C-alpha atoms as a PDB file:
ATOM      1  CA  MET A   1     -36.563   5.427   5.189  1.00  0.00           C
ATOM      2  CA  LEU A   2     -37.623   4.440   8.705  1.00  0.00           C
ATOM      3  CA  PHE A   3     -39.377   1.091   9.028  1.00  0.00           C
ATOM      4  CA  ARG A   4     -41.808   1.070  11.960  1.00  0.00           C
ATOM      5  CA  SER A   5     -43.236  -2.441  11.644  1.00  0.00           C
ATOM      6  CA  PRO A   6     -42.762  -5.677   9.663  1.00  0.00           C
ATOM      7  CA  ALA A   7     -45.646  -4.560   7.470  1.00  0.00           C
ATOM      8  CA  ASP A   8     -43.371  -1.827   6.090  1.00  0.00           C
ATOM      9  CA  VAL A   9     -40.950  -4.441   4.726  1.00  0.00           C
ATOM     10  CA  SER A  10     -41.885  -6.766   1.880  1.00  0.00           C
ATOM     11  CA  LEU A  11     -38.575  -8.609   1.434  1.00  0.00           C
ATOM     12  CA  ILE A  12     -35.275  -9.205   3.240  1.00  0.00           C
ATOM     13  CA  GLY A  13     -32.002  -9.913   1.464  1.00  0.00           C
ATOM     14  CA  PHE A  14     -29.949 -11.884   4.010  1.00  0.00           C
ATOM     15  CA  HIS A  15     -26.325 -12.610   3.172  1.00  0.00           C
ATOM     16  CA  GLY A  16     -25.128 -14.077   6.467  1.00  0.00           C
ATOM     17  CA  GLN A  17     -21.484 -14.248   7.591  1.00  0.00           C
ATOM     18  CA  THR A  18     -18.900 -15.915   5.382  1.00  0.00           C
ATOM     19  CA  ILE A  19     -16.721 -18.333   7.339  1.00  0.00           C
ATOM     20  CA  LEU A  20     -15.178 -20.225   4.407  1.00  0.00           C
ATOM     21  CA  HIS A  21     -14.764 -19.331   0.738  1.00  0.00           C
ATOM     22  CA  ARG A  22     -13.036 -21.901  -1.469  1.00  0.00           C
ATOM     23  CA  PRO A  23     -14.607 -21.638  -4.946  1.00  0.00           C
ATOM     24  CA  ALA A  24     -11.888 -23.772  -6.563  1.00  0.00           C
ATOM     25  CA  ALA A  25     -13.057 -26.600  -4.312  1.00  0.00           C
ATOM     26  CA  GLY A  26     -16.717 -25.795  -4.995  1.00  0.00           C
ATOM     27  CA  ARG A  27     -17.307 -24.528  -1.460  1.00  0.00           C
ATOM     28  CA  THR A  28     -18.577 -21.272  -0.028  1.00  0.00           C
ATOM     29  CA  TRP A  29     -20.094 -21.214   3.437  1.00  0.00           C
ATOM     30  CA  GLN A  30     -22.167 -18.445   4.992  1.00  0.00           C
ATOM     31  CA  ILE A  31     -23.674 -18.961   8.437  1.00  0.00           C
ATOM     32  CA  GLY A  32     -27.156 -17.613   9.078  1.00  0.00           C
ATOM     33  CA  ASP A  33     -30.533 -19.353   8.851  1.00  0.00           C
ATOM     34  CA  GLY A  34     -32.746 -17.622   6.279  1.00  0.00           C
ATOM     35  CA  ALA A  35     -35.739 -19.862   7.013  1.00  0.00           C
ATOM     36  CA  GLU A  36     -35.545 -19.077  10.725  1.00  0.00           C
ATOM     37  CA  LEU A  37     -35.238 -15.362   9.981  1.00  0.00           C
ATOM     38  CA  ALA A  38     -38.368 -15.563   7.825  1.00  0.00           C
ATOM     39  CA  ARG A  39     -40.241 -17.362  10.601  1.00  0.00           C
ATOM     40  CA  ALA A  40     -39.083 -14.884  13.231  1.00  0.00           C
ATOM     41  CA  THR A  41     -39.964 -11.783  11.226  1.00  0.00           C
ATOM     42  CA  GLY A  42     -42.904 -12.965   9.152  1.00  0.00           C
ATOM     43  CA  ILE A  43     -41.167 -11.449   6.129  1.00  0.00           C
ATOM     44  CA  ALA A  44     -40.054 -13.245   2.965  1.00  0.00           C
ATOM     45  CA  VAL A  45     -36.281 -13.799   2.904  1.00  0.00           C
ATOM     46  CA  VAL A  46     -33.841 -14.314   0.051  1.00  0.00           C
ATOM     47  CA  ASN A  47     -30.572 -15.847   1.236  1.00  0.00           C
ATOM     48  CA  ASP A  48     -27.722 -18.152   0.184  1.00  0.00           C
ATOM     49  CA  PHE A  49     -26.649 -15.783  -2.589  1.00  0.00           C
ATOM     50  CA  ARG A  50     -23.375 -17.493  -3.475  1.00  0.00           C
ATOM     51  CA  SER A  51     -23.866 -21.267  -3.615  1.00  0.00           C
ATOM     52  CA  ALA A  52     -25.532 -21.530  -7.018  1.00  0.00           C
ATOM     53  CA  ASP A  53     -22.851 -19.381  -8.638  1.00  0.00           C
ATOM     54  CA  VAL A  54     -20.073 -21.534  -7.182  1.00  0.00           C
ATOM     55  CA  ALA A  55     -21.901 -24.741  -8.132  1.00  0.00           C
ATOM     56  CA  ALA A  56     -22.025 -23.452 -11.725  1.00  0.00           C
ATOM     57  CA  GLY A  57     -18.255 -22.973 -11.719  1.00  0.00           C
ATOM     58  CA  GLY A  58     -18.226 -19.284 -10.756  1.00  0.00           C
ATOM     59  CA  GLN A  59     -16.253 -17.556  -8.047  1.00  0.00           C
ATOM     60  CA  GLY A  60     -19.343 -16.663  -6.006  1.00  0.00           C
ATOM     61  CA  ALA A  61     -17.824 -13.220  -5.345  1.00  0.00           C
ATOM     62  CA  PRO A  62     -17.925 -10.311  -5.512  1.00  0.00           C
ATOM     63  CA  LEU A  63     -21.720  -9.990  -5.598  1.00  0.00           C
ATOM     64  CA  VAL A  64     -22.258  -6.233  -5.287  1.00  0.00           C
ATOM     65  CA  PRO A  65     -21.130  -5.163  -8.819  1.00  0.00           C
ATOM     66  CA  LEU A  66     -24.605  -5.035 -10.374  1.00  0.00           C
ATOM     67  CA  TYR A  67     -25.651  -2.615  -7.635  1.00  0.00           C
ATOM     68  CA  HIS A  68     -22.512  -0.582  -8.301  1.00  0.00           C
ATOM     69  CA  ARG A  69     -23.545  -0.447 -11.968  1.00  0.00           C
ATOM     70  CA  ALA A  70     -26.941   0.931 -10.991  1.00  0.00           C
ATOM     71  CA  LEU A  71     -25.379   3.545  -8.703  1.00  0.00           C
ATOM     72  CA  VAL A  72     -23.027   4.951 -11.358  1.00  0.00           C
ATOM     73  CA  SER A  73     -25.487   4.950 -14.244  1.00  0.00           C
ATOM     74  CA  ASP A  74     -25.234   8.748 -14.627  1.00  0.00           C
ATOM     75  CA  PHE A  75     -21.495   9.063 -13.889  1.00  0.00           C
ATOM     76  CA  ASP A  76     -18.712   9.762 -16.380  1.00  0.00           C
ATOM     77  CA  LYS A  77     -17.076   6.489 -17.279  1.00  0.00           C
ATOM     78  CA  PRO A  78     -15.032   4.426 -17.002  1.00  0.00           C
ATOM     79  CA  VAL A  79     -15.288   4.467 -13.239  1.00  0.00           C
ATOM     80  CA  VAL A  80     -14.129   2.062 -10.554  1.00  0.00           C
ATOM     81  CA  VAL A  81     -15.953   1.288  -7.325  1.00  0.00           C
ATOM     82  CA  LEU A  82     -13.543  -0.086  -4.753  1.00  0.00           C
ATOM     83  CA  ASN A  83     -14.819  -1.902  -1.689  1.00  0.00           C
ATOM     84  CA  ILE A  84     -12.286  -2.353   1.104  1.00  0.00           C
ATOM     85  CA  GLY A  85     -13.674  -4.885   3.535  1.00  0.00           C
ATOM     86  CA  GLY A  86     -11.750  -7.831   4.958  1.00  0.00           C
ATOM     87  CA  VAL A  87     -10.883  -8.527   1.323  1.00  0.00           C
ATOM     88  CA  ALA A  88     -10.725  -5.711  -1.235  1.00  0.00           C
ATOM     89  CA  ASN A  89     -12.597  -5.892  -4.527  1.00  0.00           C
ATOM     90  CA  VAL A  90     -13.185  -3.632  -7.503  1.00  0.00           C
ATOM     91  CA  THR A  91     -15.981  -3.078  -9.979  1.00  0.00           C
ATOM     92  CA  TYR A  92     -14.871  -1.469 -13.258  1.00  0.00           C
ATOM     93  CA  ILE A  93     -17.799  -0.042 -15.212  1.00  0.00           C
ATOM     94  CA  ASP A  94     -17.584   1.344 -18.728  1.00  0.00           C
ATOM     95  CA  ASP A  95     -20.895   1.531 -20.602  1.00  0.00           C
ATOM     96  CA  ASP A  96     -22.060  -2.090 -20.971  1.00  0.00           C
ATOM     97  CA  LEU A  97     -18.907  -3.655 -19.534  1.00  0.00           C
ATOM     98  CA  VAL A  98     -18.917  -4.604 -15.852  1.00  0.00           C
ATOM     99  CA  LEU A  99     -15.678  -6.235 -14.727  1.00  0.00           C
ATOM    100  CA  ALA A 100     -15.248  -7.200 -11.084  1.00  0.00           C
ATOM    101  CA  PHE A 101     -12.840  -9.212  -8.951  1.00  0.00           C
ATOM    102  CA  ASP A 102     -11.110  -9.425  -5.595  1.00  0.00           C
ATOM    103  CA  THR A 103      -7.852  -7.491  -5.708  1.00  0.00           C
ATOM    104  CA  GLY A 104      -6.157  -8.997  -2.665  1.00  0.00           C
ATOM    105  CA  PRO A 105      -6.199  -8.215   1.051  1.00  0.00           C
ATOM    106  CA  GLY A 106      -8.345  -5.456   2.424  1.00  0.00           C
ATOM    107  CA  ASN A 107      -8.555  -4.677   6.117  1.00  0.00           C
ATOM    108  CA  ALA A 108      -8.185  -8.250   7.401  1.00  0.00           C
ATOM    109  CA  PRO A 109      -4.392  -8.467   7.896  1.00  0.00           C
ATOM    110  CA  ILE A 110      -4.265  -4.905   9.260  1.00  0.00           C
ATOM    111  CA  ASP A 111      -7.124  -5.629  11.664  1.00  0.00           C
ATOM    112  CA  ASP A 112      -5.569  -8.877  12.874  1.00  0.00           C
ATOM    113  CA  TRP A 113      -2.204  -7.184  13.419  1.00  0.00           C
ATOM    114  CA  ALA A 114      -3.751  -4.226  15.240  1.00  0.00           C
ATOM    115  CA  PHE A 115      -5.811  -6.487  17.500  1.00  0.00           C
ATOM    116  CA  ARG A 116      -2.764  -8.485  18.490  1.00  0.00           C
ATOM    117  CA  HIS A 117      -0.640  -5.433  19.268  1.00  0.00           C
ATOM    118  CA  THR A 118      -3.175  -2.923  20.572  1.00  0.00           C
ATOM    119  CA  GLY A 119      -6.200  -4.931  21.662  1.00  0.00           C
ATOM    120  CA  GLN A 120      -8.324  -2.856  19.283  1.00  0.00           C
ATOM    121  CA  PRO A 121     -10.214  -4.657  16.483  1.00  0.00           C
ATOM    122  CA  VAL A 122      -8.924  -2.196  13.876  1.00  0.00           C
ATOM    123  CA  ASP A 123      -6.061   0.253  13.418  1.00  0.00           C
ATOM    124  CA  ARG A 124      -8.330   3.084  14.434  1.00  0.00           C
ATOM    125  CA  ASP A 125      -7.756   6.189  12.324  1.00  0.00           C
ATOM    126  CA  GLY A 126      -4.653   4.472  10.927  1.00  0.00           C
ATOM    127  CA  LYS A 127      -2.650   5.717  13.897  1.00  0.00           C
ATOM    128  CA  LEU A 128      -0.518   2.607  14.358  1.00  0.00           C
ATOM    129  CA  ALA A 129       0.472   2.548  10.679  1.00  0.00           C
ATOM    130  CA  ALA A 130       1.067   6.302  10.674  1.00  0.00           C
ATOM    131  CA  SER A 131       3.510   5.921  13.557  1.00  0.00           C
ATOM    132  CA  GLY A 132       5.602   3.381  11.659  1.00  0.00           C
ATOM    133  CA  ARG A 133       7.493   3.032   8.419  1.00  0.00           C
ATOM    134  CA  ALA A 134       6.696   0.541   5.687  1.00  0.00           C
ATOM    135  CA  ASP A 135       9.428  -1.964   4.915  1.00  0.00           C
ATOM    136  CA  GLN A 136       9.516  -1.682   1.131  1.00  0.00           C
ATOM    137  CA  ALA A 137      11.466  -4.908   0.630  1.00  0.00           C
ATOM    138  CA  THR A 138       8.781  -6.795   2.528  1.00  0.00           C
ATOM    139  CA  VAL A 139       6.039  -5.068   0.537  1.00  0.00           C
ATOM    140  CA  ALA A 140       7.760  -6.062  -2.709  1.00  0.00           C
ATOM    141  CA  ALA A 141       8.109  -9.654  -1.530  1.00  0.00           C
ATOM    142  CA  MET A 142       4.412  -9.855  -0.631  1.00  0.00           C
ATOM    143  CA  LEU A 143       3.465  -8.429  -4.020  1.00  0.00           C
ATOM    144  CA  ASN A 144       5.378 -11.277  -5.675  1.00  0.00           C
ATOM    145  CA  ASN A 145       2.288 -13.466  -5.609  1.00  0.00           C
ATOM    146  CA  SER A 146       0.741 -15.102  -8.664  1.00  0.00           C
ATOM    147  CA  PHE A 147      -2.754 -14.078  -7.564  1.00  0.00           C
ATOM    148  CA  PHE A 148      -2.241 -10.484  -8.663  1.00  0.00           C
ATOM    149  CA  ALA A 149      -1.405 -11.424 -12.267  1.00  0.00           C
ATOM    150  CA  ARG A 150      -4.184 -13.995 -12.547  1.00  0.00           C
ATOM    151  CA  THR A 151      -6.843 -13.016 -15.075  1.00  0.00           C
ATOM    152  CA  PRO A 152     -10.204 -12.081 -13.468  1.00  0.00           C
ATOM    153  CA  PRO A 153     -12.750 -13.098 -12.373  1.00  0.00           C
ATOM    154  CA  LYS A 154     -11.074 -14.234  -9.148  1.00  0.00           C
ATOM    155  CA  SER A 155     -11.903 -14.205  -5.471  1.00  0.00           C
ATOM    156  CA  LEU A 156     -10.336 -14.772  -2.071  1.00  0.00           C
ATOM    157  CA  ASP A 157     -11.064 -15.948   1.422  1.00  0.00           C
ATOM    158  CA  ARG A 158     -10.390 -13.517   4.278  1.00  0.00           C
ATOM    159  CA  LEU A 159      -7.516 -15.724   5.463  1.00  0.00           C
ATOM    160  CA  ASP A 160      -5.724 -16.076   2.127  1.00  0.00           C
ATOM    161  CA  PHE A 161      -3.386 -13.188   3.034  1.00  0.00           C
ATOM    162  CA  GLY A 162      -2.090 -12.986   6.580  1.00  0.00           C
ATOM    163  CA  THR A 163       0.594 -11.273   8.646  1.00  0.00           C
ATOM    164  CA  GLN A 164       3.403 -13.829   8.399  1.00  0.00           C
ATOM    165  CA  ALA A 165       5.649 -11.610   6.291  1.00  0.00           C
ATOM    166  CA  VAL A 166       5.787  -8.836   8.922  1.00  0.00           C
ATOM    167  CA  GLU A 167       6.233 -10.954  12.035  1.00  0.00           C
ATOM    168  CA  LYS A 168       9.780  -9.700  12.622  1.00  0.00           C
ATOM    169  CA  LEU A 169       8.809  -6.030  12.362  1.00  0.00           C
ATOM    170  CA  SER A 170       7.740  -3.740  15.172  1.00  0.00           C
ATOM    171  CA  ALA A 171       4.044  -3.202  15.788  1.00  0.00           C
ATOM    172  CA  ALA A 172       4.099   0.186  14.058  1.00  0.00           C
ATOM    173  CA  ASP A 173       6.293  -0.845  11.121  1.00  0.00           C
ATOM    174  CA  GLY A 174       4.260  -4.025  10.649  1.00  0.00           C
ATOM    175  CA  ALA A 175       1.050  -2.002  10.457  1.00  0.00           C
ATOM    176  CA  ALA A 176       2.616   0.463   8.025  1.00  0.00           C
ATOM    177  CA  THR A 177       3.905  -2.384   5.862  1.00  0.00           C
ATOM    178  CA  LEU A 178       0.576  -4.218   5.769  1.00  0.00           C
ATOM    179  CA  THR A 179      -1.212  -0.961   4.958  1.00  0.00           C
ATOM    180  CA  ALA A 180       1.177  -0.181   2.109  1.00  0.00           C
ATOM    181  CA  PHE A 181       0.815  -3.740   0.809  1.00  0.00           C
ATOM    182  CA  THR A 182      -2.977  -3.489   0.744  1.00  0.00           C
ATOM    183  CA  ALA A 183      -2.834  -0.175  -1.135  1.00  0.00           C
ATOM    184  CA  ARG A 184      -0.236  -1.387  -3.649  1.00  0.00           C
ATOM    185  CA  SER A 185      -2.096  -4.641  -4.309  1.00  0.00           C
ATOM    186  CA  ILE A 186      -5.299  -2.697  -4.978  1.00  0.00           C
ATOM    187  CA  ALA A 187      -3.445  -0.460  -7.425  1.00  0.00           C
ATOM    188  CA  LEU A 188      -2.267  -3.530  -9.362  1.00  0.00           C
ATOM    189  CA  ALA A 189      -5.902  -4.181 -10.270  1.00  0.00           C
ATOM    190  CA  ALA A 190      -5.654  -1.409 -12.861  1.00  0.00           C
ATOM    191  CA  GLU A 191      -3.498  -3.711 -14.992  1.00  0.00           C
ATOM    192  CA  HIS A 192      -6.657  -5.694 -15.717  1.00  0.00           C
ATOM    193  CA  PHE A 193      -8.785  -2.700 -16.771  1.00  0.00           C
ATOM    194  CA  PRO A 194      -9.326  -2.094 -20.497  1.00  0.00           C
ATOM    195  CA  HIS A 195      -9.046   1.702 -20.039  1.00  0.00           C
ATOM    196  CA  VAL A 196      -7.844   4.122 -17.387  1.00  0.00           C
ATOM    197  CA  PRO A 197     -10.745   4.965 -15.042  1.00  0.00           C
ATOM    198  CA  LYS A 198     -11.683   8.577 -14.530  1.00  0.00           C
ATOM    199  CA  ARG A 199     -11.938   8.061 -10.782  1.00  0.00           C
ATOM    200  CA  TRP A 200     -12.019   5.494  -8.011  1.00  0.00           C
ATOM    201  CA  ILE A 201     -14.905   5.596  -5.526  1.00  0.00           C
ATOM    202  CA  VAL A 202     -14.065   3.918  -2.220  1.00  0.00           C
ATOM    203  CA  CYS A 203     -16.594   2.216   0.029  1.00  0.00           C
ATOM    204  CA  GLY A 204     -16.232  -0.298   2.849  1.00  0.00           C
ATOM    205  CA  GLY A 205     -14.569   0.117   6.219  1.00  0.00           C
ATOM    206  CA  GLY A 206     -11.147   0.814   4.742  1.00  0.00           C
ATOM    207  CA  ARG A 207     -12.228   4.286   3.676  1.00  0.00           C
ATOM    208  CA  HIS A 208     -12.228   5.262   7.383  1.00  0.00           C
ATOM    209  CA  ASN A 209      -8.471   4.562   7.624  1.00  0.00           C
ATOM    210  CA  PRO A 210      -6.553   7.750   6.699  1.00  0.00           C
ATOM    211  CA  ALA A 211      -3.239   5.909   6.424  1.00  0.00           C
ATOM    212  CA  LEU A 212      -4.698   3.410   3.983  1.00  0.00           C
ATOM    213  CA  MET A 213      -6.416   6.134   1.956  1.00  0.00           C
ATOM    214  CA  ARG A 214      -3.151   8.106   1.806  1.00  0.00           C
ATOM    215  CA  ASP A 215      -1.235   5.072   0.545  1.00  0.00           C
ATOM    216  CA  LEU A 216      -4.023   4.229  -1.877  1.00  0.00           C
ATOM    217  CA  ARG A 217      -3.987   7.675  -3.473  1.00  0.00           C
ATOM    218  CA  ALA A 218      -0.208   7.503  -3.787  1.00  0.00           C
ATOM    219  CA  SER A 219      -0.393   4.052  -5.384  1.00  0.00           C
ATOM    220  CA  VAL A 220      -3.340   4.566  -7.747  1.00  0.00           C
ATOM    221  CA  ARG A 221      -2.268   8.034  -8.912  1.00  0.00           C
ATOM    222  CA  ARG A 222      -5.771   8.829 -10.054  1.00  0.00           C
ATOM    223  CA  THR A 223      -8.695  10.678  -8.497  1.00  0.00           C
ATOM    224  CA  VAL A 224      -9.805   8.762  -5.394  1.00  0.00           C
ATOM    225  CA  VAL A 225     -12.973   9.809  -3.541  1.00  0.00           C
ATOM    226  CA  THR A 226     -15.090   8.233  -0.817  1.00  0.00           C
ATOM    227  CA  ALA A 227     -18.653   7.007  -1.192  1.00  0.00           C
ATOM    228  CA  GLU A 228     -19.885   9.981   0.802  1.00  0.00           C
ATOM    229  CA  GLU A 229     -18.214  12.416  -1.579  1.00  0.00           C
ATOM    230  CA  VAL A 230     -20.454  11.179  -4.399  1.00  0.00           C
ATOM    231  CA  GLY A 231     -23.585  11.243  -2.229  1.00  0.00           C
ATOM    232  CA  TRP A 232     -23.747   7.577  -1.200  1.00  0.00           C
ATOM    233  CA  ARG A 233     -24.307   6.199   2.298  1.00  0.00           C
ATOM    234  CA  GLY A 234     -21.051   4.358   2.636  1.00  0.00           C
ATOM    235  CA  ASP A 235     -21.856   2.409   5.785  1.00  0.00           C
ATOM    236  CA  PHE A 236     -25.112   1.102   4.312  1.00  0.00           C
ATOM    237  CA  LEU A 237     -23.985   0.245   0.798  1.00  0.00           C
ATOM    238  CA  GLU A 238     -23.707  -3.525   1.258  1.00  0.00           C
ATOM    239  CA  ALA A 239     -27.088  -3.703   2.992  1.00  0.00           C
ATOM    240  CA  GLU A 240     -28.629  -1.734   0.143  1.00  0.00           C
ATOM    241  CA  ALA A 241     -26.919  -4.027  -2.364  1.00  0.00           C
ATOM    242  CA  PHE A 242     -28.350  -7.232  -0.914  1.00  0.00           C
ATOM    243  CA  ALA A 243     -31.800  -5.672  -0.774  1.00  0.00           C
ATOM    244  CA  TYR A 244     -31.344  -4.846  -4.468  1.00  0.00           C
ATOM    245  CA  LEU A 245     -30.140  -8.377  -5.252  1.00  0.00           C
ATOM    246  CA  ALA A 246     -33.050  -9.877  -3.313  1.00  0.00           C
ATOM    247  CA  VAL A 247     -35.482  -7.995  -5.538  1.00  0.00           C
ATOM    248  CA  ARG A 248     -33.581  -9.126  -8.643  1.00  0.00           C
ATOM    249  CA  SER A 249     -33.811 -12.688  -7.366  1.00  0.00           C
ATOM    250  CA  VAL A 250     -37.590 -12.688  -6.952  1.00  0.00           C
ATOM    251  CA  LYS A 251     -37.906 -11.110 -10.402  1.00  0.00           C
ATOM    252  CA  GLY A 252     -35.805 -13.895 -11.916  1.00  0.00           C
ATOM    253  CA  LEU A 253     -32.966 -11.555 -12.924  1.00  0.00           C
ATOM    254  CA  PRO A 254     -29.287 -12.559 -12.712  1.00  0.00           C
ATOM    255  CA  LEU A 255     -27.312 -11.606  -9.623  1.00  0.00           C
ATOM    256  CA  SER A 256     -23.925 -11.781 -11.325  1.00  0.00           C
ATOM    257  CA  LEU A 257     -22.324 -11.793 -14.767  1.00  0.00           C
ATOM    258  CA  PRO A 258     -19.595 -13.969 -16.290  1.00  0.00           C
ATOM    259  CA  THR A 259     -17.295 -10.936 -16.006  1.00  0.00           C
ATOM    260  CA  THR A 260     -17.962 -10.448 -12.280  1.00  0.00           C
ATOM    261  CA  THR A 261     -17.797 -13.966 -10.848  1.00  0.00           C
END
């Protein structure tokens, strides 16, 4: 839908940019002034989606699972929606059960490594990783982290997983190793699912990385498709989700569940 004027929009769901996420310390910080946005646009704004959840003892993330549930209402289940952003997270949906959590790193370590070695903000088309070889001993060492076995719900900050473990590798091998690590850590999420999902649907920027998608399919060993392959607009999914959550907020409906945050 094309909006031509503010009169076409009745509500804005404004997440802002997360710069710190430490739920164990009761802190989550998103920059962005919802009141100023409302004044500037003349449109009602719902913002600060995470603070109340964290204050109540929740993880404050991930927040998109209820929208994922709505999107897959007619799909064969169980199904998993995987979002690969800076951090990766999954939503497992099986009838009335919605289970969601951060799985580990997403694009963040790969992006940081690529920027340092190529000057590009991402490993575009996965070319740097594809030109290298993953160091499997390093991947195994990185997977030896208590976070992966921790019972969900659980969440991460973008900086919780970095590039330290690959510092002695070449640019290409470091990228390949970080990419393999991200894929393998995502696959470990299946250990927390009650049943084997029929398929994984991938959204977020990571779906544009062929090297990551290749490693993911090899690690998950189940049907893996992109958001576009099921008819979704993958680059707009998070925006749609926060519009959906904004409407739930003004209707007094919950934005998360005990099994998601």
